[in-house]
Amino acid sequence: MQKNQILISGHVIPAGPIGENVSQTAIKLFKDHLKINIKLADIVTALRIGNSTTNSNILVKFLQNEVKQDILKAAKTSRIEGFVISDSLTPRNQVIMKTLRTIQSHNKPKILSISSRNGIIN
């Protein structure tokens, strides 16, 4: 289960140089864009998904679920263009979420809201 993981995406993510400390990059993104101070000890691991030399997505796993929830809450209230924080979903749930969003965009009255929490689609 991907309970304590989030995915950071968007064009504001800087390209990663060789030997980059991805955890430090994630901490800087949280501080600069969400005004949240996260300690290195709060992060279990952070890695780039895709080509690390471009502004590829960053997957962050936290030690405690509360830190993840604080970040998701701050991201929801901030709504910064080019900076997206989302729950890390399994490939199957990613497909389900994308399908539901497509249905929602074409037929708004049938599906009022779509969200995920701790990897569970609501």
PDB file of N, CA and C in Angstrom:
ATOM      1  N   MET A   1       0.840  -1.181   0.000  1.00  0.00           N
ATOM      2  CA  MET A   1       0.000   0.000   0.000  1.00  0.00           C
ATOM      3  C   MET A   1       0.884   1.243   0.000  1.00  0.00           C
ATOM      4  N   GLN A   2       0.425   2.277  -0.673  1.00  0.00           N
ATOM      5  CA  GLN A   2       1.186   3.504  -0.816  1.00  0.00           C
ATOM      6  C   GLN A   2       0.653   4.573   0.128  1.00  0.00           C
ATOM      7  N   LYS A   3       0.430   4.192   1.350  1.00  0.00           N
ATOM      8  CA  LYS A   3      -0.241   5.034   2.334  1.00  0.00           C
ATOM      9  C   LYS A   3       0.474   6.352   2.625  1.00  0.00           C
ATOM     10  N   ASN A   4       1.753   6.330   2.793  1.00  0.00           N
ATOM     11  CA  ASN A   4       2.483   7.532   3.202  1.00  0.00           C
ATOM     12  C   ASN A   4       3.225   8.204   2.051  1.00  0.00           C
ATOM     13  N   GLN A   5       2.759   7.992   0.821  1.00  0.00           N
ATOM     14  CA  GLN A   5       3.454   8.532  -0.333  1.00  0.00           C
ATOM     15  C   GLN A   5       2.637   9.603  -1.035  1.00  0.00           C
ATOM     16  N   ILE A   6       3.347  10.602  -1.585  1.00  0.00           N
ATOM     17  CA  ILE A   6       2.711  11.595  -2.442  1.00  0.00           C
ATOM     18  C   ILE A   6       3.536  11.731  -3.714  1.00  0.00           C
ATOM     19  N   LEU A   7       2.900  12.292  -4.724  1.00  0.00           N
ATOM     20  CA  LEU A   7       3.553  12.543  -5.991  1.00  0.00           C
ATOM     21  C   LEU A   7       3.553  14.042  -6.231  1.00  0.00           C
ATOM     22  N   ILE A   8       4.727  14.600  -6.483  1.00  0.00           N
ATOM     23  CA  ILE A   8       4.858  16.019  -6.804  1.00  0.00           C
ATOM     24  C   ILE A   8       5.069  16.112  -8.309  1.00  0.00           C
ATOM     25  N   SER A   9       4.236  16.907  -8.978  1.00  0.00           N
ATOM     26  CA  SER A   9       4.386  17.080 -10.416  1.00  0.00           C
ATOM     27  C   SER A   9       4.137  18.535 -10.787  1.00  0.00           C
ATOM     28  N   GLY A  10       4.476  18.879 -12.011  1.00  0.00           N
ATOM     29  CA  GLY A  10       4.265  20.238 -12.489  1.00  0.00           C
ATOM     30  C   GLY A  10       5.531  20.835 -13.054  1.00  0.00           C
ATOM     31  N   HIS A  11       5.372  21.939 -13.774  1.00  0.00           N
ATOM     32  CA  HIS A  11       6.529  22.533 -14.457  1.00  0.00           C
ATOM     33  C   HIS A  11       7.435  23.353 -13.538  1.00  0.00           C
ATOM     34  N   VAL A  12       7.044  23.580 -12.301  1.00  0.00           N
ATOM     35  CA  VAL A  12       7.916  24.327 -11.381  1.00  0.00           C
ATOM     36  C   VAL A  12       8.994  23.445 -10.739  1.00  0.00           C
ATOM     37  N   ILE A  13       8.912  22.143 -10.967  1.00  0.00           N
ATOM     38  CA  ILE A  13       9.927  21.238 -10.415  1.00  0.00           C
ATOM     39  C   ILE A  13      11.222  21.449 -11.188  1.00  0.00           C
ATOM     40  N   PRO A  14      12.311  21.763 -10.498  1.00  0.00           N
ATOM     41  CA  PRO A  14      13.573  21.991 -11.205  1.00  0.00           C
ATOM     42  C   PRO A  14      14.152  20.685 -11.754  1.00  0.00           C
ATOM     43  N   ALA A  15      14.947  20.809 -12.810  1.00  0.00           N
ATOM     44  CA  ALA A  15      15.646  19.642 -13.345  1.00  0.00           C
ATOM     45  C   ALA A  15      16.625  19.142 -12.293  1.00  0.00           C
ATOM     46  N   GLY A  16      16.807  17.848 -12.254  1.00  0.00           N
ATOM     47  CA  GLY A  16      17.682  17.261 -11.250  1.00  0.00           C
ATOM     48  C   GLY A  16      19.079  17.027 -11.772  1.00  0.00           C
ATOM     49  N   PRO A  17      20.060  17.670 -11.170  1.00  0.00           N
ATOM     50  CA  PRO A  17      21.446  17.420 -11.597  1.00  0.00           C
ATOM     51  C   PRO A  17      21.903  16.033 -11.151  1.00  0.00           C
ATOM     52  N   ILE A  18      22.966  15.558 -11.744  1.00  0.00           N
ATOM     53  CA  ILE A  18      23.527  14.261 -11.355  1.00  0.00           C
ATOM     54  C   ILE A  18      23.975  14.344  -9.896  1.00  0.00           C
ATOM     55  N   GLY A  19      23.630  13.346  -9.115  1.00  0.00           N
ATOM     56  CA  GLY A  19      23.998  13.323  -7.706  1.00  0.00           C
ATOM     57  C   GLY A  19      23.059  14.138  -6.819  1.00  0.00           C
ATOM     58  N   GLU A  20      21.917  14.510  -7.357  1.00  0.00           N
ATOM     59  CA  GLU A  20      20.946  15.327  -6.614  1.00  0.00           C
ATOM     60  C   GLU A  20      20.439  14.601  -5.372  1.00  0.00           C
ATOM     61  N   ASN A  21      20.244  15.348  -4.298  1.00  0.00           N
ATOM     62  CA  ASN A  21      19.577  14.832  -3.114  1.00  0.00           C
ATOM     63  C   ASN A  21      18.091  15.171  -3.288  1.00  0.00           C
ATOM     64  N   VAL A  22      17.311  14.210  -3.755  1.00  0.00           N
ATOM     65  CA  VAL A  22      15.907  14.451  -4.102  1.00  0.00           C
ATOM     66  C   VAL A  22      15.091  14.828  -2.866  1.00  0.00           C
ATOM     67  N   SER A  23      15.450  14.295  -1.712  1.00  0.00           N
ATOM     68  CA  SER A  23      14.748  14.659  -0.471  1.00  0.00           C
ATOM     69  C   SER A  23      14.896  16.152  -0.198  1.00  0.00           C
ATOM     70  N   GLN A  24      16.104  16.688  -0.380  1.00  0.00           N
ATOM     71  CA  GLN A  24      16.330  18.123  -0.171  1.00  0.00           C
ATOM     72  C   GLN A  24      15.556  18.956  -1.194  1.00  0.00           C
ATOM     73  N   THR A  25      15.470  18.476  -2.426  1.00  0.00           N
ATOM     74  CA  THR A  25      14.701  19.173  -3.466  1.00  0.00           C
ATOM     75  C   THR A  25      13.231  19.228  -3.065  1.00  0.00           C
ATOM     76  N   ALA A  26      12.690  18.107  -2.568  1.00  0.00           N
ATOM     77  CA  ALA A  26      11.294  18.061  -2.135  1.00  0.00           C
ATOM     78  C   ALA A  26      11.061  19.009  -0.959  1.00  0.00           C
ATOM     79  N   ILE A  27      11.968  19.021   0.003  1.00  0.00           N
ATOM     80  CA  ILE A  27      11.844  19.912   1.163  1.00  0.00           C
ATOM     81  C   ILE A  27      11.824  21.366   0.712  1.00  0.00           C
ATOM     82  N   LYS A  28      12.677  21.717  -0.251  1.00  0.00           N
ATOM     83  CA  LYS A  28      12.720  23.091  -0.772  1.00  0.00           C
ATOM     84  C   LYS A  28      11.416  23.441  -1.493  1.00  0.00           C
ATOM     85  N   LEU A  29      10.872  22.499  -2.263  1.00  0.00           N
ATOM     86  CA  LEU A  29       9.595  22.741  -2.952  1.00  0.00           C
ATOM     87  C   LEU A  29       8.467  22.973  -1.947  1.00  0.00           C
ATOM     88  N   PHE A  30       8.427  22.170  -0.877  1.00  0.00           N
ATOM     89  CA  PHE A  30       7.394  22.345   0.153  1.00  0.00           C
ATOM     90  C   PHE A  30       7.527  23.710   0.821  1.00  0.00           C
ATOM     91  N   LYS A  31       8.749  24.104   1.104  1.00  0.00           N
ATOM     92  CA  LYS A  31       8.989  25.385   1.777  1.00  0.00           C
ATOM     93  C   LYS A  31       8.655  26.566   0.871  1.00  0.00           C
ATOM     94  N   ASP A  32       9.122  26.521  -0.369  1.00  0.00           N
ATOM     95  CA  ASP A  32       8.941  27.642  -1.294  1.00  0.00           C
ATOM     96  C   ASP A  32       7.489  27.805  -1.756  1.00  0.00           C
ATOM     97  N   HIS A  33       6.808  26.700  -2.027  1.00  0.00           N
ATOM     98  CA  HIS A  33       5.485  26.778  -2.637  1.00  0.00           C
ATOM     99  C   HIS A  33       4.327  26.591  -1.663  1.00  0.00           C
ATOM    100  N   LEU A  34       4.553  25.838  -0.599  1.00  0.00           N
ATOM    101  CA  LEU A  34       3.473  25.576   0.364  1.00  0.00           C
ATOM    102  C   LEU A  34       3.704  26.241   1.713  1.00  0.00           C
ATOM    103  N   LYS A  35       4.883  26.818   1.904  1.00  0.00           N
ATOM    104  CA  LYS A  35       5.246  27.469   3.174  1.00  0.00           C
ATOM    105  C   LYS A  35       5.181  26.490   4.344  1.00  0.00           C
ATOM    106  N   ILE A  36       5.604  25.242   4.080  1.00  0.00           N
ATOM    107  CA  ILE A  36       5.639  24.201   5.108  1.00  0.00           C
ATOM    108  C   ILE A  36       7.083  23.774   5.298  1.00  0.00           C
ATOM    109  N   ASN A  37       7.522  23.714   6.526  1.00  0.00           N
ATOM    110  CA  ASN A  37       8.881  23.263   6.841  1.00  0.00           C
ATOM    111  C   ASN A  37       8.853  21.793   7.230  1.00  0.00           C
ATOM    112  N   ILE A  38       9.454  20.987   6.394  1.00  0.00           N
ATOM    113  CA  ILE A  38       9.556  19.548   6.627  1.00  0.00           C
ATOM    114  C   ILE A  38      11.016  19.241   6.940  1.00  0.00           C
ATOM    115  N   LYS A  39      11.231  18.369   7.890  1.00  0.00           N
ATOM    116  CA  LYS A  39      12.600  17.959   8.232  1.00  0.00           C
ATOM    117  C   LYS A  39      13.009  16.757   7.384  1.00  0.00           C
ATOM    118  N   LEU A  40      14.290  16.627   7.167  1.00  0.00           N
ATOM    119  CA  LEU A  40      14.811  15.481   6.425  1.00  0.00           C
ATOM    120  C   LEU A  40      14.422  14.172   7.114  1.00  0.00           C
ATOM    121  N   ALA A  41      14.333  14.191   8.440  1.00  0.00           N
ATOM    122  CA  ALA A  41      13.964  12.987   9.204  1.00  0.00           C
ATOM    123  C   ALA A  41      12.517  12.558   8.958  1.00  0.00           C
ATOM    124  N   ASP A  42      11.672  13.469   8.432  1.00  0.00           N
ATOM    125  CA  ASP A  42      10.273  13.140   8.133  1.00  0.00           C
ATOM    126  C   ASP A  42      10.136  12.313   6.857  1.00  0.00           C
ATOM    127  N   ILE A  43      11.173  12.334   6.007  1.00  0.00           N
ATOM    128  CA  ILE A  43      11.123  11.660   4.711  1.00  0.00           C
ATOM    129  C   ILE A  43      11.875  10.337   4.784  1.00  0.00           C
ATOM    130  N   VAL A  44      11.196   9.267   4.408  1.00  0.00           N
ATOM    131  CA  VAL A  44      11.838   7.947   4.336  1.00  0.00           C
ATOM    132  C   VAL A  44      12.680   7.873   3.073  1.00  0.00           C
ATOM    133  N   THR A  45      12.073   8.238   1.946  1.00  0.00           N
ATOM    134  CA  THR A  45      12.783   8.247   0.670  1.00  0.00           C
ATOM    135  C   THR A  45      12.100   9.200  -0.298  1.00  0.00           C
ATOM    136  N   ALA A  46      12.862   9.688  -1.238  1.00  0.00           N
ATOM    137  CA  ALA A  46      12.335  10.525  -2.314  1.00  0.00           C
ATOM    138  C   ALA A  46      13.099  10.179  -3.578  1.00  0.00           C
ATOM    139  N   LEU A  47      12.381  10.029  -4.671  1.00  0.00           N
ATOM    140  CA  LEU A  47      13.042   9.704  -5.923  1.00  0.00           C
ATOM    141  C   LEU A  47      12.293  10.308  -7.098  1.00  0.00           C
ATOM    142  N   ARG A  48      13.023  10.496  -8.170  1.00  0.00           N
ATOM    143  CA  ARG A  48      12.428  11.030  -9.395  1.00  0.00           C
ATOM    144  C   ARG A  48      11.831   9.887 -10.201  1.00  0.00           C
ATOM    145  N   ILE A  49      10.688  10.167 -10.797  1.00  0.00           N
ATOM    146  CA  ILE A  49      10.035   9.201 -11.668  1.00  0.00           C
ATOM    147  C   ILE A  49      10.279   9.676 -13.095  1.00  0.00           C
ATOM    148  N   GLY A  50      10.962   8.886 -13.882  1.00  0.00           N
ATOM    149  CA  GLY A  50      11.273   9.285 -15.251  1.00  0.00           C
ATOM    150  C   GLY A  50      12.701   9.757 -15.367  1.00  0.00           C
ATOM    151  N   ASN A  51      12.959  10.608 -16.358  1.00  0.00           N
ATOM    152  CA  ASN A  51      14.298  11.120 -16.636  1.00  0.00           C
ATOM    153  C   ASN A  51      14.684  12.133 -15.574  1.00  0.00           C
ATOM    154  N   SER A  52      15.712  11.851 -14.800  1.00  0.00           N
ATOM    155  CA  SER A  52      16.082  12.713 -13.667  1.00  0.00           C
ATOM    156  C   SER A  52      16.700  14.039 -14.089  1.00  0.00           C
ATOM    157  N   THR A  53      17.086  14.184 -15.353  1.00  0.00           N
ATOM    158  CA  THR A  53      17.694  15.444 -15.780  1.00  0.00           C
ATOM    159  C   THR A  53      16.656  16.468 -16.236  1.00  0.00           C
ATOM    160  N   THR A  54      15.397  16.077 -16.321  1.00  0.00           N
ATOM    161  CA  THR A  54      14.334  17.019 -16.677  1.00  0.00           C
ATOM    162  C   THR A  54      13.525  17.320 -15.420  1.00  0.00           C
ATOM    163  N   ASN A  55      12.485  18.116 -15.583  1.00  0.00           N
ATOM    164  CA  ASN A  55      11.650  18.408 -14.414  1.00  0.00           C
ATOM    165  C   ASN A  55      10.621  17.281 -14.223  1.00  0.00           C
ATOM    166  N   SER A  56      11.130  16.068 -13.996  1.00  0.00           N
ATOM    167  CA  SER A  56      10.283  14.895 -13.829  1.00  0.00           C
ATOM    168  C   SER A  56       9.618  14.888 -12.454  1.00  0.00           C
ATOM    169  N   ASN A  57       8.573  14.090 -12.345  1.00  0.00           N
ATOM    170  CA  ASN A  57       7.826  13.981 -11.092  1.00  0.00           C
ATOM    171  C   ASN A  57       8.715  13.447  -9.975  1.00  0.00           C
ATOM    172  N   ILE A  58       8.328  13.792  -8.740  1.00  0.00           N
ATOM    173  CA  ILE A  58       9.056  13.323  -7.563  1.00  0.00           C
ATOM    174  C   ILE A  58       8.093  12.545  -6.672  1.00  0.00           C
ATOM    175  N   LEU A  59       8.479  11.344  -6.318  1.00  0.00           N
ATOM    176  CA  LEU A  59       7.707  10.507  -5.398  1.00  0.00           C
ATOM    177  C   LEU A  59       8.359  10.611  -4.026  1.00  0.00           C
ATOM    178  N   VAL A  60       7.560  10.965  -3.016  1.00  0.00           N
ATOM    179  CA  VAL A  60       8.085  11.135  -1.662  1.00  0.00           C
ATOM    180  C   VAL A  60       7.330  10.206  -0.717  1.00  0.00           C
ATOM    181  N   LYS A  61       8.076   9.447   0.075  1.00  0.00           N
ATOM    182  CA  LYS A  61       7.486   8.590   1.102  1.00  0.00           C
ATOM    183  C   LYS A  61       7.849   9.162   2.459  1.00  0.00           C
ATOM    184  N   PHE A  62       6.830   9.352   3.302  1.00  0.00           N
ATOM    185  CA  PHE A  62       7.022   9.956   4.614  1.00  0.00           C
ATOM    186  C   PHE A  62       7.021   8.904   5.713  1.00  0.00           C
ATOM    187  N   LEU A  63       7.665   9.247   6.806  1.00  0.00           N
ATOM    188  CA  LEU A  63       7.706   8.380   7.973  1.00  0.00           C
ATOM    189  C   LEU A  63       6.331   8.293   8.621  1.00  0.00           C
ATOM    190  N   GLN A  64       5.632   9.430   8.662  1.00  0.00           N
ATOM    191  CA  GLN A  64       4.319   9.480   9.325  1.00  0.00           C
ATOM    192  C   GLN A  64       3.253   9.995   8.359  1.00  0.00           C
ATOM    193  N   ASN A  65       2.085   9.409   8.445  1.00  0.00           N
ATOM    194  CA  ASN A  65       0.967   9.806   7.595  1.00  0.00           C
ATOM    195  C   ASN A  65       0.512  11.241   7.892  1.00  0.00           C
ATOM    196  N   GLU A  66       0.707  11.720   9.099  1.00  0.00           N
ATOM    197  CA  GLU A  66       0.274  13.075   9.468  1.00  0.00           C
ATOM    198  C   GLU A  66       1.014  14.135   8.645  1.00  0.00           C
ATOM    199  N   VAL A  67       2.279  13.898   8.372  1.00  0.00           N
ATOM    200  CA  VAL A  67       3.060  14.841   7.557  1.00  0.00           C
ATOM    201  C   VAL A  67       2.475  14.889   6.145  1.00  0.00           C
ATOM    202  N   LYS A  68       2.178  13.723   5.611  1.00  0.00           N
ATOM    203  CA  LYS A  68       1.570  13.651   4.279  1.00  0.00           C
ATOM    204  C   LYS A  68       0.248  14.410   4.254  1.00  0.00           C
ATOM    205  N   GLN A  69      -0.582  14.196   5.258  1.00  0.00           N
ATOM    206  CA  GLN A  69      -1.889  14.862   5.295  1.00  0.00           C
ATOM    207  C   GLN A  69      -1.743  16.379   5.400  1.00  0.00           C
ATOM    208  N   ASP A  70      -0.758  16.852   6.178  1.00  0.00           N
ATOM    209  CA  ASP A  70      -0.506  18.300   6.286  1.00  0.00           C
ATOM    210  C   ASP A  70      -0.131  18.885   4.928  1.00  0.00           C
ATOM    211  N   ILE A  71       0.687  18.176   4.179  1.00  0.00           N
ATOM    212  CA  ILE A  71       1.112  18.654   2.864  1.00  0.00           C
ATOM    213  C   ILE A  71      -0.060  18.653   1.890  1.00  0.00           C
ATOM    214  N   LEU A  72      -0.854  17.588   1.890  1.00  0.00           N
ATOM    215  CA  LEU A  72      -2.014  17.539   0.996  1.00  0.00           C
ATOM    216  C   LEU A  72      -3.009  18.653   1.322  1.00  0.00           C
ATOM    217  N   LYS A  73      -3.197  18.924   2.602  1.00  0.00           N
ATOM    218  CA  LYS A  73      -4.111  19.995   3.008  1.00  0.00           C
ATOM    219  C   LYS A  73      -3.594  21.360   2.542  1.00  0.00           C
ATOM    220  N   ALA A  74      -2.301  21.589   2.716  1.00  0.00           N
ATOM    221  CA  ALA A  74      -1.709  22.861   2.280  1.00  0.00           C
ATOM    222  C   ALA A  74      -1.786  23.008   0.759  1.00  0.00           C
ATOM    223  N   ALA A  75      -1.563  21.920   0.041  1.00  0.00           N
ATOM    224  CA  ALA A  75      -1.628  21.964  -1.420  1.00  0.00           C
ATOM    225  C   ALA A  75      -3.046  22.254  -1.899  1.00  0.00           C
ATOM    226  N   LYS A  76      -4.016  21.715  -1.197  1.00  0.00           N
ATOM    227  CA  LYS A  76      -5.412  21.926  -1.579  1.00  0.00           C
ATOM    228  C   LYS A  76      -5.818  23.389  -1.387  1.00  0.00           C
ATOM    229  N   THR A  77      -5.345  24.023  -0.331  1.00  0.00           N
ATOM    230  CA  THR A  77      -5.704  25.421  -0.072  1.00  0.00           C
ATOM    231  C   THR A  77      -4.863  26.390  -0.897  1.00  0.00           C
ATOM    232  N   SER A  78      -3.648  26.003  -1.278  1.00  0.00           N
ATOM    233  CA  SER A  78      -2.755  26.909  -2.016  1.00  0.00           C
ATOM    234  C   SER A  78      -3.104  27.020  -3.494  1.00  0.00           C
ATOM    235  N   ARG A  79      -3.353  25.910  -4.143  1.00  0.00           N
ATOM    236  CA  ARG A  79      -3.681  25.884  -5.580  1.00  0.00           C
ATOM    237  C   ARG A  79      -2.685  26.688  -6.416  1.00  0.00           C
ATOM    238  N   ILE A  80      -1.437  26.284  -6.406  1.00  0.00           N
ATOM    239  CA  ILE A  80      -0.383  26.970  -7.145  1.00  0.00           C
ATOM    240  C   ILE A  80      -0.298  26.376  -8.547  1.00  0.00           C
ATOM    241  N   GLU A  81      -0.380  27.239  -9.552  1.00  0.00           N
ATOM    242  CA  GLU A  81      -0.314  26.775 -10.934  1.00  0.00           C
ATOM    243  C   GLU A  81       1.065  26.207 -11.233  1.00  0.00           C
ATOM    244  N   GLY A  82       1.091  25.044 -11.864  1.00  0.00           N
ATOM    245  CA  GLY A  82       2.352  24.411 -12.205  1.00  0.00           C
ATOM    246  C   GLY A  82       2.980  23.606 -11.089  1.00  0.00           C
ATOM    247  N   PHE A  83       2.239  23.448  -9.990  1.00  0.00           N
ATOM    248  CA  PHE A  83       2.746  22.694  -8.838  1.00  0.00           C
ATOM    249  C   PHE A  83       1.598  21.852  -8.298  1.00  0.00           C
ATOM    250  N   VAL A  84       1.676  20.542  -8.528  1.00  0.00           N
ATOM    251  CA  VAL A  84       0.587  19.641  -8.149  1.00  0.00           C
ATOM    252  C   VAL A  84       1.107  18.599  -7.172  1.00  0.00           C
ATOM    253  N   ILE A  85       0.395  18.465  -6.069  1.00  0.00           N
ATOM    254  CA  ILE A  85       0.691  17.422  -5.082  1.00  0.00           C
ATOM    255  C   ILE A  85      -0.517  16.497  -5.073  1.00  0.00           C
ATOM    256  N   SER A  86      -0.279  15.214  -5.249  1.00  0.00           N
ATOM    257  CA  SER A  86      -1.399  14.270  -5.262  1.00  0.00           C
ATOM    258  C   SER A  86      -1.040  13.009  -4.486  1.00  0.00           C
ATOM    259  N   ASP A  87      -2.086  12.320  -4.083  1.00  0.00           N
ATOM    260  CA  ASP A  87      -1.932  11.036  -3.414  1.00  0.00           C
ATOM    261  C   ASP A  87      -1.281  10.072  -4.398  1.00  0.00           C
ATOM    262  N   SER A  88      -0.339   9.289  -3.954  1.00  0.00           N
ATOM    263  CA  SER A  88       0.298   8.303  -4.824  1.00  0.00           C
ATOM    264  C   SER A  88      -0.628   7.099  -4.950  1.00  0.00           C
ATOM    265  N   LEU A  89      -1.068   6.841  -6.173  1.00  0.00           N
ATOM    266  CA  LEU A  89      -2.016   5.755  -6.413  1.00  0.00           C
ATOM    267  C   LEU A  89      -1.339   4.591  -7.125  1.00  0.00           C
ATOM    268  N   THR A  90      -1.895   3.400  -6.938  1.00  0.00           N
ATOM    269  CA  THR A  90      -1.422   2.238  -7.676  1.00  0.00           C
ATOM    270  C   THR A  90      -1.773   2.447  -9.152  1.00  0.00           C
ATOM    271  N   PRO A  91      -1.103   1.755 -10.068  1.00  0.00           N
ATOM    272  CA  PRO A  91      -1.433   1.910 -11.493  1.00  0.00           C
ATOM    273  C   PRO A  91      -2.917   1.650 -11.786  1.00  0.00           C
ATOM    274  N   ARG A  92      -3.494   0.671 -11.135  1.00  0.00           N
ATOM    275  CA  ARG A  92      -4.918   0.363 -11.339  1.00  0.00           C
ATOM    276  C   ARG A  92      -5.798   1.530 -10.898  1.00  0.00           C
ATOM    277  N   ASN A  93      -5.505   2.083  -9.723  1.00  0.00           N
ATOM    278  CA  ASN A  93      -6.302   3.208  -9.233  1.00  0.00           C
ATOM    279  C   ASN A  93      -6.066   4.474 -10.052  1.00  0.00           C
ATOM    280  N   GLN A  94      -4.877   4.628 -10.644  1.00  0.00           N
ATOM    281  CA  GLN A  94      -4.633   5.757 -11.534  1.00  0.00           C
ATOM    282  C   GLN A  94      -5.564   5.697 -12.744  1.00  0.00           C
ATOM    283  N   VAL A  95      -5.723   4.507 -13.304  1.00  0.00           N
ATOM    284  CA  VAL A  95      -6.616   4.329 -14.456  1.00  0.00           C
ATOM    285  C   VAL A  95      -8.060   4.608 -14.053  1.00  0.00           C
ATOM    286  N   ILE A  96      -8.470   4.114 -12.892  1.00  0.00           N
ATOM    287  CA  ILE A  96      -9.838   4.350 -12.420  1.00  0.00           C
ATOM    288  C   ILE A  96     -10.073   5.839 -12.206  1.00  0.00           C
ATOM    289  N   MET A  97      -9.128   6.523 -11.578  1.00  0.00           N
ATOM    290  CA  MET A  97      -9.267   7.958 -11.313  1.00  0.00           C
ATOM    291  C   MET A  97      -9.347   8.750 -12.621  1.00  0.00           C
ATOM    292  N   LYS A  98      -8.494   8.416 -13.575  1.00  0.00           N
ATOM    293  CA  LYS A  98      -8.501   9.111 -14.863  1.00  0.00           C
ATOM    294  C   LYS A  98      -9.832   8.897 -15.586  1.00  0.00           C
ATOM    295  N   THR A  99     -10.337   7.680 -15.557  1.00  0.00           N
ATOM    296  CA  THR A  99     -11.622   7.377 -16.198  1.00  0.00           C
ATOM    297  C   THR A  99     -12.757   8.151 -15.545  1.00  0.00           C
ATOM    298  N   LEU A 100     -12.774   8.184 -14.218  1.00  0.00           N
ATOM    299  CA  LEU A 100     -13.819   8.932 -13.512  1.00  0.00           C
ATOM    300  C   LEU A 100     -13.748  10.426 -13.808  1.00  0.00           C
ATOM    301  N   ARG A 101     -12.544  10.974 -13.877  1.00  0.00           N
ATOM    302  CA  ARG A 101     -12.397  12.409 -14.197  1.00  0.00           C
ATOM    303  C   ARG A 101     -12.870  12.710 -15.619  1.00  0.00           C
ATOM    304  N   THR A 102     -12.601  11.781 -16.559  1.00  0.00           N
ATOM    305  CA  THR A 102     -13.070  11.956 -17.932  1.00  0.00           C
ATOM    306  C   THR A 102     -14.596  11.937 -17.971  1.00  0.00           C
ATOM    307  N   ILE A 103     -15.193  10.993 -17.278  1.00  0.00           N
ATOM    308  CA  ILE A 103     -16.658  10.917 -17.216  1.00  0.00           C
ATOM    309  C   ILE A 103     -17.218  12.183 -16.586  1.00  0.00           C
ATOM    310  N   GLN A 104     -16.582  12.641 -15.509  1.00  0.00           N
ATOM    311  CA  GLN A 104     -17.047  13.831 -14.807  1.00  0.00           C
ATOM    312  C   GLN A 104     -16.992  15.061 -15.713  1.00  0.00           C
ATOM    313  N   SER A 105     -15.925  15.192 -16.502  1.00  0.00           N
ATOM    314  CA  SER A 105     -15.789  16.377 -17.353  1.00  0.00           C
ATOM    315  C   SER A 105     -16.825  16.397 -18.476  1.00  0.00           C
ATOM    316  N   HIS A 106     -17.297  15.221 -18.900  1.00  0.00           N
ATOM    317  CA  HIS A 106     -18.288  15.154 -19.968  1.00  0.00           C
ATOM    318  C   HIS A 106     -19.724  15.138 -19.455  1.00  0.00           C
ATOM    319  N   ASN A 107     -19.912  14.768 -18.206  1.00  0.00           N
ATOM    320  CA  ASN A 107     -21.256  14.563 -17.686  1.00  0.00           C
ATOM    321  C   ASN A 107     -21.317  15.003 -16.229  1.00  0.00           C
ATOM    322  N   LYS A 108     -21.170  16.278 -15.971  1.00  0.00           N
ATOM    323  CA  LYS A 108     -21.000  16.809 -14.611  1.00  0.00           C
ATOM    324  C   LYS A 108     -22.073  16.408 -13.592  1.00  0.00           C
ATOM    325  N   PRO A 109     -23.346  16.393 -13.920  1.00  0.00           N
ATOM    326  CA  PRO A 109     -24.336  16.094 -12.867  1.00  0.00           C
ATOM    327  C   PRO A 109     -24.244  14.690 -12.265  1.00  0.00           C
ATOM    328  N   LYS A 110     -23.708  13.735 -13.015  1.00  0.00           N
ATOM    329  CA  LYS A 110     -23.699  12.355 -12.510  1.00  0.00           C
ATOM    330  C   LYS A 110     -22.637  12.112 -11.435  1.00  0.00           C
ATOM    331  N   ILE A 111     -21.474  12.714 -11.577  1.00  0.00           N
ATOM    332  CA  ILE A 111     -20.404  12.550 -10.588  1.00  0.00           C
ATOM    333  C   ILE A 111     -20.066  13.931 -10.049  1.00  0.00           C
ATOM    334  N   LEU A 112     -20.383  14.167  -8.788  1.00  0.00           N
ATOM    335  CA  LEU A 112     -20.182  15.487  -8.208  1.00  0.00           C
ATOM    336  C   LEU A 112     -18.738  15.752  -7.818  1.00  0.00           C
ATOM    337  N   SER A 113     -18.066  14.767  -7.226  1.00  0.00           N
ATOM    338  CA  SER A 113     -16.670  14.969  -6.838  1.00  0.00           C
ATOM    339  C   SER A 113     -15.924  13.641  -6.864  1.00  0.00           C
ATOM    340  N   ILE A 114     -14.620  13.768  -7.112  1.00  0.00           N
ATOM    341  CA  ILE A 114     -13.733  12.610  -7.144  1.00  0.00           C
ATOM    342  C   ILE A 114     -12.505  12.976  -6.325  1.00  0.00           C
ATOM    343  N   SER A 115     -12.124  12.097  -5.419  1.00  0.00           N
ATOM    344  CA  SER A 115     -10.919  12.347  -4.631  1.00  0.00           C
ATOM    345  C   SER A 115     -10.321  11.015  -4.203  1.00  0.00           C
ATOM    346  N   SER A 116      -9.132  11.095  -3.669  1.00  0.00           N
ATOM    347  CA  SER A 116      -8.510   9.903  -3.095  1.00  0.00           C
ATOM    348  C   SER A 116      -7.893  10.287  -1.771  1.00  0.00           C
ATOM    349  N   ARG A 117      -7.859   9.325  -0.878  1.00  0.00           N
ATOM    350  CA  ARG A 117      -7.233   9.518   0.417  1.00  0.00           C
ATOM    351  C   ARG A 117      -6.582   8.223   0.825  1.00  0.00           C
ATOM    352  N   ASN A 118      -5.282   8.298   1.078  1.00  0.00           N
ATOM    353  CA  ASN A 118      -4.503   7.105   1.433  1.00  0.00           C
ATOM    354  C   ASN A 118      -4.627   5.996   0.401  1.00  0.00           C
ATOM    355  N   GLY A 119      -4.679   6.397  -0.861  1.00  0.00           N
ATOM    356  CA  GLY A 119      -4.732   5.421  -1.944  1.00  0.00           C
ATOM    357  C   GLY A 119      -6.103   4.876  -2.242  1.00  0.00           C
ATOM    358  N   ILE A 120      -7.124   5.314  -1.539  1.00  0.00           N
ATOM    359  CA  ILE A 120      -8.500   4.854  -1.739  1.00  0.00           C
ATOM    360  C   ILE A 120      -9.276   5.932  -2.458  1.00  0.00           C
ATOM    361  N   ILE A 121      -9.933   5.561  -3.552  1.00  0.00           N
ATOM    362  CA  ILE A 121     -10.707   6.521  -4.344  1.00  0.00           C
ATOM    363  C   ILE A 121     -12.077   6.694  -3.705  1.00  0.00           C
ATOM    364  N   ASN A 122     -12.455   7.969  -3.517  1.00  0.00           N
ATOM    365  CA  ASN A 122     -13.760   8.295  -2.908  1.00  0.00           C
ATOM    366  C   ASN A 122     -14.670   8.895  -3.967  1.00  0.00           C
TER     367      ASN A 122
END
